């Protein structure tokens, strides 16, 4: 009788300690699986409480030909270097110019620029928060001598907010957005007969490409693209991009102008100066652009010049 009672007490003790003894009853594989499950749950909980904000949000802005109150255009230049091991790298600089059309008084100007890289990521070039200026015109260096994921941008985006004083009694708050697709030159285009030595849009503008070897810089060529407006009083829109092409058909950007359009105080000449390491064997310089006139008729700019002819 006492043996039966002792047996029951032993069984009861085993049951009461079952939960505490549970891990000791598992084999090694089961313990590993449970550990993985717990780790996954812990990771999911951390991700939920501390979400990752490095996602891509591409602004749904459209290409804009004109704005009658403010003109934000973007100028780009490049520094193309080559290391001792032969690696070529591109550094980009971007500057935004915000001009007020017709000398209209604009104040509380706030702006933000961003870019979609060739790798499909987004850069907020001016920072996450808006930069601001008390009035327009203003000039803002968006990026200076920096490398970019994928060696450049697919698109540039701009958002500008400002106050426009319509009258003494009325001030309006405006918002302007725009998108500019960066002009590309494909290797399949290099032998196209469309490219010529014509450096003008008849009666509208002309441009020049010059190269020199500065005495003060024995390492680099200096290449300057200059655009001159012939009729600055006529409404227009211009996107422009220049490239160097090497003897082995590699293509690198050397200056661009985007979202450049008419305003009454427009500069009649604008220049972009880039630097290229002399050990890079430049064969040609190409230019591609799109000029849109007051009637929204577009003219394509396709220009090609032998680099050695520029050096004399």
C-alpha atoms as a PDB file:
ATOM      1  CA  UNK A   1       0.000   0.000   0.000  1.00  0.00           C
ATOM      2  CA  UNK A   2       2.826   2.304   0.915  1.00  0.00           C
ATOM      3  CA  UNK A   3       4.592   1.399  -2.361  1.00  0.00           C
ATOM      4  CA  UNK A   4       1.485   2.374  -4.367  1.00  0.00           C
ATOM      5  CA  UNK A   5       1.242   5.694  -2.510  1.00  0.00           C
ATOM      6  CA  UNK A   6       4.939   6.428  -3.120  1.00  0.00           C
ATOM      7  CA  UNK A   7       4.522   5.634  -6.805  1.00  0.00           C
ATOM      8  CA  UNK A   8       1.613   8.078  -7.137  1.00  0.00           C
ATOM      9  CA  UNK A   9       3.605  10.836  -5.418  1.00  0.00           C
ATOM     10  CA  UNK A  10       6.506  10.239  -7.802  1.00  0.00           C
ATOM     11  CA  UNK A  11       4.215  10.459 -10.835  1.00  0.00           C
ATOM     12  CA  UNK A  12       2.671  13.671  -9.470  1.00  0.00           C
ATOM     13  CA  UNK A  13       6.125  15.188  -8.957  1.00  0.00           C
ATOM     14  CA  UNK A  14       7.107  14.363 -12.524  1.00  0.00           C
ATOM     15  CA  UNK A  15       3.971  16.036 -13.889  1.00  0.00           C
ATOM     16  CA  UNK A  16       4.419  19.189 -11.798  1.00  0.00           C
ATOM     17  CA  UNK A  17       8.011  19.581 -13.005  1.00  0.00           C
ATOM     18  CA  UNK A  18       7.228  18.769 -16.627  1.00  0.00           C
ATOM     19  CA  UNK A  19       7.411  22.333 -17.935  1.00  0.00           C
ATOM     20  CA  UNK A  20      10.721  22.984 -16.189  1.00  0.00           C
ATOM     21  CA  UNK A  21      12.136  19.740 -17.442  1.00  0.00           C
ATOM     22  CA  UNK A  22      10.792  20.265 -20.982  1.00  0.00           C
ATOM     23  CA  UNK A  23      14.054  21.401 -22.654  1.00  0.00           C
ATOM     24  CA  UNK A  24      15.965  18.438 -21.273  1.00  0.00           C
ATOM     25  CA  UNK A  25      13.581  16.105 -23.052  1.00  0.00           C
ATOM     26  CA  UNK A  26      14.279  17.634 -26.498  1.00  0.00           C
ATOM     27  CA  UNK A  27      16.894  16.431 -28.910  1.00  0.00           C
ATOM     28  CA  UNK A  28      19.478  18.856 -30.342  1.00  0.00           C
ATOM     29  CA  UNK A  29      17.737  19.358 -33.709  1.00  0.00           C
ATOM     30  CA  UNK A  30      14.466  20.371 -32.020  1.00  0.00           C
ATOM     31  CA  UNK A  31      16.292  22.845 -29.772  1.00  0.00           C
ATOM     32  CA  UNK A  32      17.960  24.435 -32.817  1.00  0.00           C
ATOM     33  CA  UNK A  33      14.620  24.763 -34.617  1.00  0.00           C
ATOM     34  CA  UNK A  34      12.999  26.406 -31.597  1.00  0.00           C
ATOM     35  CA  UNK A  35      15.947  28.816 -31.309  1.00  0.00           C
ATOM     36  CA  UNK A  36      15.576  29.806 -34.965  1.00  0.00           C
ATOM     37  CA  UNK A  37      11.832  30.414 -34.492  1.00  0.00           C
ATOM     38  CA  UNK A  38      12.441  32.589 -31.431  1.00  0.00           C
ATOM     39  CA  UNK A  39      15.158  34.533 -33.282  1.00  0.00           C
ATOM     40  CA  UNK A  40      12.793  35.164 -36.190  1.00  0.00           C
ATOM     41  CA  UNK A  41      10.075  36.406 -33.845  1.00  0.00           C
ATOM     42  CA  UNK A  42      12.545  38.702 -32.092  1.00  0.00           C
ATOM     43  CA  UNK A  43      13.790  40.122 -35.445  1.00  0.00           C
ATOM     44  CA  UNK A  44      10.224  40.702 -36.637  1.00  0.00           C
ATOM     45  CA  UNK A  45       9.392  42.540 -33.397  1.00  0.00           C
ATOM     46  CA  UNK A  46      12.444  44.793 -33.721  1.00  0.00           C
ATOM     47  CA  UNK A  47      11.654  45.547 -37.375  1.00  0.00           C
ATOM     48  CA  UNK A  48       8.076  46.461 -36.413  1.00  0.00           C
ATOM     49  CA  UNK A  49       9.137  48.836 -33.656  1.00  0.00           C
ATOM     50  CA  UNK A  50      12.089  50.282 -35.587  1.00  0.00           C
ATOM     51  CA  UNK A  51      11.118  50.242 -39.308  1.00  0.00           C
ATOM     52  CA  UNK A  52      13.672  50.777 -42.064  1.00  0.00           C
ATOM     53  CA  UNK A  53      13.157  54.049 -43.967  1.00  0.00           C
ATOM     54  CA  UNK A  54      15.611  53.405 -46.781  1.00  0.00           C
ATOM     55  CA  UNK A  55      12.892  52.737 -49.328  1.00  0.00           C
ATOM     56  CA  UNK A  56      12.589  54.318 -52.773  1.00  0.00           C
ATOM     57  CA  UNK A  57       9.862  56.898 -53.331  1.00  0.00           C
ATOM     58  CA  UNK A  58      10.116  58.458 -56.789  1.00  0.00           C
ATOM     59  CA  UNK A  59       8.242  61.799 -57.009  1.00  0.00           C
ATOM     60  CA  UNK A  60       5.429  61.829 -59.533  1.00  0.00           C
ATOM     61  CA  UNK A  61       6.527  65.175 -60.963  1.00  0.00           C
ATOM     62  CA  UNK A  62       6.184  66.008 -64.657  1.00  0.00           C
ATOM     63  CA  UNK A  63       8.462  67.752 -67.125  1.00  0.00           C
ATOM     64  CA  UNK A  64       7.580  71.468 -67.204  1.00  0.00           C
ATOM     65  CA  UNK A  65       8.411  73.715 -70.162  1.00  0.00           C
ATOM     66  CA  UNK A  66       7.711  77.120 -68.594  1.00  0.00           C
ATOM     67  CA  UNK A  67       6.733  78.879 -65.407  1.00  0.00           C
ATOM     68  CA  UNK A  68       5.899  82.567 -65.544  1.00  0.00           C
ATOM     69  CA  UNK A  69       6.932  83.537 -62.006  1.00  0.00           C
ATOM     70  CA  UNK A  70      10.087  81.612 -61.144  1.00  0.00           C
ATOM     71  CA  UNK A  71      12.682  79.731 -63.172  1.00  0.00           C
ATOM     72  CA  UNK A  72      14.706  77.024 -61.406  1.00  0.00           C
ATOM     73  CA  UNK A  73      17.354  75.654 -63.727  1.00  0.00           C
ATOM     74  CA  UNK A  74      20.145  73.197 -62.879  1.00  0.00           C
ATOM     75  CA  UNK A  75      23.733  73.275 -64.106  1.00  0.00           C
ATOM     76  CA  UNK A  76      26.014  70.235 -63.795  1.00  0.00           C
ATOM     77  CA  UNK A  77      29.773  69.831 -64.161  1.00  0.00           C
ATOM     78  CA  UNK A  78      32.093  66.853 -63.737  1.00  0.00           C
ATOM     79  CA  UNK A  79      35.580  65.904 -62.632  1.00  0.00           C
ATOM     80  CA  UNK A  80      36.715  62.676 -64.288  1.00  0.00           C
ATOM     81  CA  UNK A  81      39.754  61.094 -62.674  1.00  0.00           C
ATOM     82  CA  UNK A  82      41.928  58.055 -63.364  1.00  0.00           C
ATOM     83  CA  UNK A  83      43.898  56.224 -60.697  1.00  0.00           C
ATOM     84  CA  UNK A  84      47.349  54.671 -61.002  1.00  0.00           C
ATOM     85  CA  UNK A  85      45.651  51.294 -61.450  1.00  0.00           C
ATOM     86  CA  UNK A  86      43.582  52.610 -64.376  1.00  0.00           C
ATOM     87  CA  UNK A  87      40.240  52.999 -62.580  1.00  0.00           C
ATOM     88  CA  UNK A  88      38.144  55.875 -63.931  1.00  0.00           C
ATOM     89  CA  UNK A  89      35.851  57.701 -61.486  1.00  0.00           C
ATOM     90  CA  UNK A  90      33.284  60.447 -62.052  1.00  0.00           C
ATOM     91  CA  UNK A  91      32.532  63.194 -59.566  1.00  0.00           C
ATOM     92  CA  UNK A  92      29.450  65.350 -60.057  1.00  0.00           C
ATOM     93  CA  UNK A  93      28.620  68.905 -59.052  1.00  0.00           C
ATOM     94  CA  UNK A  94      25.102  70.359 -59.296  1.00  0.00           C
ATOM     95  CA  UNK A  95      24.025  73.966 -58.807  1.00  0.00           C
ATOM     96  CA  UNK A  96      20.462  75.296 -58.864  1.00  0.00           C
ATOM     97  CA  UNK A  97      19.698  78.830 -60.029  1.00  0.00           C
ATOM     98  CA  UNK A  98      16.305  80.214 -58.989  1.00  0.00           C
ATOM     99  CA  UNK A  99      15.409  83.373 -60.887  1.00  0.00           C
ATOM    100  CA  UNK A 100      12.268  85.486 -60.607  1.00  0.00           C
ATOM    101  CA  UNK A 101      10.640  86.166 -63.958  1.00  0.00           C
ATOM    102  CA  UNK A 102       9.955  89.765 -64.983  1.00  0.00           C
ATOM    103  CA  UNK A 103      11.756  90.948 -61.785  1.00  0.00           C
ATOM    104  CA  UNK A 104       8.629  89.958 -59.828  1.00  0.00           C
ATOM    105  CA  UNK A 105       9.090  90.191 -56.055  1.00  0.00           C
ATOM    106  CA  UNK A 106       9.083  86.649 -54.661  1.00  0.00           C
ATOM    107  CA  UNK A 107       9.849  85.850 -51.019  1.00  0.00           C
ATOM    108  CA  UNK A 108       9.840  83.002 -48.502  1.00  0.00           C
ATOM    109  CA  UNK A 109      11.378  80.809 -51.191  1.00  0.00           C
ATOM    110  CA  UNK A 110      11.842  77.196 -50.080  1.00  0.00           C
ATOM    111  CA  UNK A 111      13.217  74.461 -52.290  1.00  0.00           C
ATOM    112  CA  UNK A 112      14.260  70.832 -52.347  1.00  0.00           C
ATOM    113  CA  UNK A 113      16.011  68.807 -55.060  1.00  0.00           C
ATOM    114  CA  UNK A 114      16.327  65.053 -55.404  1.00  0.00           C
ATOM    115  CA  UNK A 115      17.601  62.537 -57.922  1.00  0.00           C
ATOM    116  CA  UNK A 116      16.903  58.979 -59.019  1.00  0.00           C
ATOM    117  CA  UNK A 117      20.278  57.262 -59.457  1.00  0.00           C
ATOM    118  CA  UNK A 118      21.193  54.836 -62.216  1.00  0.00           C
ATOM    119  CA  UNK A 119      21.097  52.125 -59.509  1.00  0.00           C
ATOM    120  CA  UNK A 120      17.418  52.872 -58.791  1.00  0.00           C
ATOM    121  CA  UNK A 121      17.963  54.585 -55.419  1.00  0.00           C
ATOM    122  CA  UNK A 122      16.865  58.095 -54.424  1.00  0.00           C
ATOM    123  CA  UNK A 123      19.137  60.898 -53.215  1.00  0.00           C
ATOM    124  CA  UNK A 124      17.818  64.006 -51.504  1.00  0.00           C
ATOM    125  CA  UNK A 125      20.517  66.230 -52.941  1.00  0.00           C
ATOM    126  CA  UNK A 126      19.701  69.261 -50.811  1.00  0.00           C
ATOM    127  CA  UNK A 127      19.010  67.239 -47.674  1.00  0.00           C
ATOM    128  CA  UNK A 128      15.749  65.858 -46.324  1.00  0.00           C
ATOM    129  CA  UNK A 129      14.478  69.240 -45.110  1.00  0.00           C
ATOM    130  CA  UNK A 130      13.800  72.215 -47.334  1.00  0.00           C
ATOM    131  CA  UNK A 131      16.523  74.757 -47.903  1.00  0.00           C
ATOM    132  CA  UNK A 132      15.266  78.306 -47.964  1.00  0.00           C
ATOM    133  CA  UNK A 133      16.040  81.816 -49.098  1.00  0.00           C
ATOM    134  CA  UNK A 134      14.365  85.069 -48.201  1.00  0.00           C
ATOM    135  CA  UNK A 135      13.785  85.936 -51.845  1.00  0.00           C
ATOM    136  CA  UNK A 136      14.498  85.089 -55.456  1.00  0.00           C
ATOM    137  CA  UNK A 137      16.859  85.157 -57.294  1.00  0.00           C
ATOM    138  CA  UNK A 138      19.125  82.819 -55.373  1.00  0.00           C
ATOM    139  CA  UNK A 139      21.851  80.283 -56.161  1.00  0.00           C
ATOM    140  CA  UNK A 140      22.204  76.994 -54.305  1.00  0.00           C
ATOM    141  CA  UNK A 141      24.996  74.412 -54.586  1.00  0.00           C
ATOM    142  CA  UNK A 142      23.080  71.152 -54.397  1.00  0.00           C
ATOM    143  CA  UNK A 143      26.090  68.861 -54.614  1.00  0.00           C
ATOM    144  CA  UNK A 144      29.787  69.572 -55.036  1.00  0.00           C
ATOM    145  CA  UNK A 145      32.384  67.139 -56.389  1.00  0.00           C
ATOM    146  CA  UNK A 146      30.639  63.973 -55.156  1.00  0.00           C
ATOM    147  CA  UNK A 147      30.367  60.442 -56.489  1.00  0.00           C
ATOM    148  CA  UNK A 148      26.859  59.115 -57.152  1.00  0.00           C
ATOM    149  CA  UNK A 149      25.547  55.563 -57.030  1.00  0.00           C
ATOM    150  CA  UNK A 150      25.728  54.077 -60.520  1.00  0.00           C
ATOM    151  CA  UNK A 151      27.891  56.985 -61.750  1.00  0.00           C
ATOM    152  CA  UNK A 152      24.975  59.393 -62.073  1.00  0.00           C
ATOM    153  CA  UNK A 153      21.256  60.136 -62.095  1.00  0.00           C
ATOM    154  CA  UNK A 154      18.432  58.962 -64.328  1.00  0.00           C
ATOM    155  CA  UNK A 155      16.210  61.869 -63.326  1.00  0.00           C
ATOM    156  CA  UNK A 156      16.335  65.082 -61.334  1.00  0.00           C
ATOM    157  CA  UNK A 157      13.368  66.446 -59.385  1.00  0.00           C
ATOM    158  CA  UNK A 158      12.666  69.870 -57.957  1.00  0.00           C
ATOM    159  CA  UNK A 159      10.016  71.288 -55.627  1.00  0.00           C
ATOM    160  CA  UNK A 160       9.873  75.014 -54.962  1.00  0.00           C
ATOM    161  CA  UNK A 161       7.484  76.889 -52.696  1.00  0.00           C
ATOM    162  CA  UNK A 162       7.333  80.678 -52.613  1.00  0.00           C
ATOM    163  CA  UNK A 163       5.109  83.663 -51.895  1.00  0.00           C
ATOM    164  CA  UNK A 164       4.015  85.805 -54.819  1.00  0.00           C
ATOM    165  CA  UNK A 165       2.773  89.290 -54.044  1.00  0.00           C
ATOM    166  CA  UNK A 166       0.009  89.936 -56.539  1.00  0.00           C
ATOM    167  CA  UNK A 167      -0.992  93.258 -54.993  1.00  0.00           C
ATOM    168  CA  UNK A 168      -0.656  95.179 -51.744  1.00  0.00           C
ATOM    169  CA  UNK A 169      -3.689  93.357 -50.452  1.00  0.00           C
ATOM    170  CA  UNK A 170      -3.041  89.878 -51.832  1.00  0.00           C
ATOM    171  CA  UNK A 171      -0.102  87.485 -51.417  1.00  0.00           C
ATOM    172  CA  UNK A 172      -0.343  84.027 -52.934  1.00  0.00           C
ATOM    173  CA  UNK A 173       1.532  80.902 -51.891  1.00  0.00           C
ATOM    174  CA  UNK A 174       2.765  78.951 -54.901  1.00  0.00           C
ATOM    175  CA  UNK A 175       4.225  75.468 -55.362  1.00  0.00           C
ATOM    176  CA  UNK A 176       6.164  74.426 -58.460  1.00  0.00           C
ATOM    177  CA  UNK A 177       7.382  70.906 -59.167  1.00  0.00           C
ATOM    178  CA  UNK A 178       9.320  69.571 -62.147  1.00  0.00           C
ATOM    179  CA  UNK A 179      11.177  66.492 -63.359  1.00  0.00           C
ATOM    180  CA  UNK A 180      14.085  66.343 -65.787  1.00  0.00           C
ATOM    181  CA  UNK A 181      15.269  63.140 -67.400  1.00  0.00           C
ATOM    182  CA  UNK A 182      19.047  63.140 -67.701  1.00  0.00           C
ATOM    183  CA  UNK A 183      20.103  62.913 -71.343  1.00  0.00           C
ATOM    184  CA  UNK A 184      22.107  59.766 -72.114  1.00  0.00           C
ATOM    185  CA  UNK A 185      24.411  58.847 -74.985  1.00  0.00           C
ATOM    186  CA  UNK A 186      24.334  55.168 -75.973  1.00  0.00           C
ATOM    187  CA  UNK A 187      27.193  53.312 -77.596  1.00  0.00           C
ATOM    188  CA  UNK A 188      24.797  52.339 -80.378  1.00  0.00           C
ATOM    189  CA  UNK A 189      24.483  56.051 -81.271  1.00  0.00           C
ATOM    190  CA  UNK A 190      28.187  56.743 -81.698  1.00  0.00           C
ATOM    191  CA  UNK A 191      28.234  55.997 -85.429  1.00  0.00           C
ATOM    192  CA  UNK A 192      24.934  57.722 -86.176  1.00  0.00           C
ATOM    193  CA  UNK A 193      25.005  60.075 -89.150  1.00  0.00           C
ATOM    194  CA  UNK A 194      22.619  62.386 -87.264  1.00  0.00           C
ATOM    195  CA  UNK A 195      25.541  63.896 -85.359  1.00  0.00           C
ATOM    196  CA  UNK A 196      27.188  66.796 -87.183  1.00  0.00           C
ATOM    197  CA  UNK A 197      29.447  69.805 -86.602  1.00  0.00           C
ATOM    198  CA  UNK A 198      26.441  72.129 -86.494  1.00  0.00           C
ATOM    199  CA  UNK A 199      26.612  74.080 -83.220  1.00  0.00           C
ATOM    200  CA  UNK A 200      23.495  76.201 -83.514  1.00  0.00           C
ATOM    201  CA  UNK A 201      19.718  76.245 -83.437  1.00  0.00           C
ATOM    202  CA  UNK A 202      19.114  78.706 -86.248  1.00  0.00           C
ATOM    203  CA  UNK A 203      18.067  82.117 -84.970  1.00  0.00           C
ATOM    204  CA  UNK A 204      17.687  80.815 -81.399  1.00  0.00           C
ATOM    205  CA  UNK A 205      21.050  79.936 -79.877  1.00  0.00           C
ATOM    206  CA  UNK A 206      24.536  78.722 -80.577  1.00  0.00           C
ATOM    207  CA  UNK A 207      26.992  76.862 -78.412  1.00  0.00           C
ATOM    208  CA  UNK A 208      30.680  76.124 -78.312  1.00  0.00           C
ATOM    209  CA  UNK A 209      32.896  73.378 -76.888  1.00  0.00           C
ATOM    210  CA  UNK A 210      36.459  74.321 -75.985  1.00  0.00           C
ATOM    211  CA  UNK A 211      39.310  72.334 -74.463  1.00  0.00           C
ATOM    212  CA  UNK A 212      42.651  73.481 -73.128  1.00  0.00           C
ATOM    213  CA  UNK A 213      45.574  72.411 -70.993  1.00  0.00           C
ATOM    214  CA  UNK A 214      45.915  74.934 -68.139  1.00  0.00           C
ATOM    215  CA  UNK A 215      49.444  75.853 -67.174  1.00  0.00           C
ATOM    216  CA  UNK A 216      48.373  75.728 -63.527  1.00  0.00           C
ATOM    217  CA  UNK A 217      47.071  72.147 -63.864  1.00  0.00           C
ATOM    218  CA  UNK A 218      49.355  69.619 -65.538  1.00  0.00           C
ATOM    219  CA  UNK A 219      47.058  66.689 -64.652  1.00  0.00           C
ATOM    220  CA  UNK A 220      43.768  67.628 -66.323  1.00  0.00           C
ATOM    221  CA  UNK A 221      42.215  68.964 -69.471  1.00  0.00           C
ATOM    222  CA  UNK A 222      39.655  71.713 -68.952  1.00  0.00           C
ATOM    223  CA  UNK A 223      36.567  71.359 -71.161  1.00  0.00           C
ATOM    224  CA  UNK A 224      34.028  74.192 -71.307  1.00  0.00           C
ATOM    225  CA  UNK A 225      30.565  74.129 -72.882  1.00  0.00           C
ATOM    226  CA  UNK A 226      29.145  77.608 -73.476  1.00  0.00           C
ATOM    227  CA  UNK A 227      25.589  78.339 -74.627  1.00  0.00           C
ATOM    228  CA  UNK A 228      24.789  81.755 -76.117  1.00  0.00           C
ATOM    229  CA  UNK A 229      21.216  82.940 -76.644  1.00  0.00           C
ATOM    230  CA  UNK A 230      20.591  84.831 -79.870  1.00  0.00           C
ATOM    231  CA  UNK A 231      17.044  85.929 -79.059  1.00  0.00           C
ATOM    232  CA  UNK A 232      16.714  86.037 -75.277  1.00  0.00           C
ATOM    233  CA  UNK A 233      13.324  87.781 -75.384  1.00  0.00           C
ATOM    234  CA  UNK A 234      11.583  84.781 -76.956  1.00  0.00           C
ATOM    235  CA  UNK A 235      10.104  82.053 -74.784  1.00  0.00           C
ATOM    236  CA  UNK A 236      12.013  78.744 -74.893  1.00  0.00           C
ATOM    237  CA  UNK A 237      13.073  75.666 -72.916  1.00  0.00           C
ATOM    238  CA  UNK A 238      16.474  73.979 -73.174  1.00  0.00           C
ATOM    239  CA  UNK A 239      17.982  70.713 -71.915  1.00  0.00           C
ATOM    240  CA  UNK A 240      21.641  70.130 -72.846  1.00  0.00           C
ATOM    241  CA  UNK A 241      24.252  67.444 -72.101  1.00  0.00           C
ATOM    242  CA  UNK A 242      27.849  66.987 -73.305  1.00  0.00           C
ATOM    243  CA  UNK A 243      29.965  63.817 -73.230  1.00  0.00           C
ATOM    244  CA  UNK A 244      33.512  62.660 -73.873  1.00  0.00           C
ATOM    245  CA  UNK A 245      34.002  59.394 -75.749  1.00  0.00           C
ATOM    246  CA  UNK A 246      37.294  57.541 -75.357  1.00  0.00           C
ATOM    247  CA  UNK A 247      39.189  55.499 -77.948  1.00  0.00           C
ATOM    248  CA  UNK A 248      37.748  52.318 -76.412  1.00  0.00           C
ATOM    249  CA  UNK A 249      34.199  53.769 -76.663  1.00  0.00           C
ATOM    250  CA  UNK A 250      33.674  54.549 -72.984  1.00  0.00           C
ATOM    251  CA  UNK A 251      31.263  57.469 -72.423  1.00  0.00           C
ATOM    252  CA  UNK A 252      31.464  60.038 -69.601  1.00  0.00           C
ATOM    253  CA  UNK A 253      29.413  63.220 -68.959  1.00  0.00           C
ATOM    254  CA  UNK A 254      31.190  66.593 -69.001  1.00  0.00           C
ATOM    255  CA  UNK A 255      28.557  69.205 -68.231  1.00  0.00           C
ATOM    256  CA  UNK A 256      24.821  69.642 -68.564  1.00  0.00           C
ATOM    257  CA  UNK A 257      22.043  72.214 -68.325  1.00  0.00           C
ATOM    258  CA  UNK A 258      18.458  71.291 -67.420  1.00  0.00           C
ATOM    259  CA  UNK A 259      15.124  73.112 -67.099  1.00  0.00           C
ATOM    260  CA  UNK A 260      16.643  76.269 -68.579  1.00  0.00           C
ATOM    261  CA  UNK A 261      13.944  78.530 -69.980  1.00  0.00           C
ATOM    262  CA  UNK A 262      12.890  82.052 -70.688  1.00  0.00           C
ATOM    263  CA  UNK A 263      12.627  84.717 -68.079  1.00  0.00           C
ATOM    264  CA  UNK A 264      12.976  88.450 -68.666  1.00  0.00           C
ATOM    265  CA  UNK A 265      16.286  88.766 -66.797  1.00  0.00           C
ATOM    266  CA  UNK A 266      17.811  85.681 -68.420  1.00  0.00           C
ATOM    267  CA  UNK A 267      21.567  85.520 -68.823  1.00  0.00           C
ATOM    268  CA  UNK A 268      22.400  85.538 -72.513  1.00  0.00           C
ATOM    269  CA  UNK A 269      25.347  83.199 -71.925  1.00  0.00           C
ATOM    270  CA  UNK A 270      25.866  80.233 -69.591  1.00  0.00           C
ATOM    271  CA  UNK A 271      28.968  78.030 -69.278  1.00  0.00           C
ATOM    272  CA  UNK A 272      29.772  74.635 -67.731  1.00  0.00           C
ATOM    273  CA  UNK A 273      33.432  73.796 -67.112  1.00  0.00           C
ATOM    274  CA  UNK A 274      34.590  70.243 -66.349  1.00  0.00           C
ATOM    275  CA  UNK A 275      37.958  68.581 -65.799  1.00  0.00           C
ATOM    276  CA  UNK A 276      39.214  65.329 -67.334  1.00  0.00           C
ATOM    277  CA  UNK A 277      42.416  63.510 -66.461  1.00  0.00           C
ATOM    278  CA  UNK A 278      44.909  63.684 -69.330  1.00  0.00           C
ATOM    279  CA  UNK A 279      45.682  59.973 -69.196  1.00  0.00           C
ATOM    280  CA  UNK A 280      42.124  59.276 -70.387  1.00  0.00           C
ATOM    281  CA  UNK A 281      42.351  58.849 -74.153  1.00  0.00           C
ATOM    282  CA  UNK A 282      39.591  61.170 -75.373  1.00  0.00           C
ATOM    283  CA  UNK A 283      38.634  60.651 -79.007  1.00  0.00           C
ATOM    284  CA  UNK A 284      35.442  62.717 -79.463  1.00  0.00           C
ATOM    285  CA  UNK A 285      33.111  65.098 -77.703  1.00  0.00           C
ATOM    286  CA  UNK A 286      29.398  64.645 -78.298  1.00  0.00           C
ATOM    287  CA  UNK A 287      26.519  66.967 -77.415  1.00  0.00           C
ATOM    288  CA  UNK A 288      22.840  66.089 -77.200  1.00  0.00           C
ATOM    289  CA  UNK A 289      20.080  68.555 -76.402  1.00  0.00           C
ATOM    290  CA  UNK A 290      16.451  69.488 -76.890  1.00  0.00           C
ATOM    291  CA  UNK A 291      15.345  73.049 -77.641  1.00  0.00           C
ATOM    292  CA  UNK A 292      11.602  73.823 -77.344  1.00  0.00           C
ATOM    293  CA  UNK A 293      10.382  77.116 -78.839  1.00  0.00           C
ATOM    294  CA  UNK A 294       7.421  79.366 -78.021  1.00  0.00           C
ATOM    295  CA  UNK A 295       5.115  77.192 -80.149  1.00  0.00           C
ATOM    296  CA  UNK A 296       6.252  74.001 -78.340  1.00  0.00           C
ATOM    297  CA  UNK A 297       8.106  72.837 -81.443  1.00  0.00           C
ATOM    298  CA  UNK A 298      11.223  70.889 -80.474  1.00  0.00           C
ATOM    299  CA  UNK A 299      14.599  70.881 -82.203  1.00  0.00           C
ATOM    300  CA  UNK A 300      17.083  68.124 -81.382  1.00  0.00           C
ATOM    301  CA  UNK A 301      20.718  69.127 -80.910  1.00  0.00           C
ATOM    302  CA  UNK A 302      23.183  66.448 -82.088  1.00  0.00           C
ATOM    303  CA  UNK A 303      26.800  67.585 -82.269  1.00  0.00           C
ATOM    304  CA  UNK A 304      30.147  65.787 -82.594  1.00  0.00           C
ATOM    305  CA  UNK A 305      33.714  67.083 -82.704  1.00  0.00           C
ATOM    306  CA  UNK A 306      37.161  65.459 -82.790  1.00  0.00           C
ATOM    307  CA  UNK A 307      38.851  66.188 -79.467  1.00  0.00           C
ATOM    308  CA  UNK A 308      42.357  66.728 -80.867  1.00  0.00           C
ATOM    309  CA  UNK A 309      41.026  69.459 -83.153  1.00  0.00           C
ATOM    310  CA  UNK A 310      39.990  71.425 -80.057  1.00  0.00           C
ATOM    311  CA  UNK A 311      43.515  71.367 -78.673  1.00  0.00           C
ATOM    312  CA  UNK A 312      44.938  72.830 -81.862  1.00  0.00           C
END
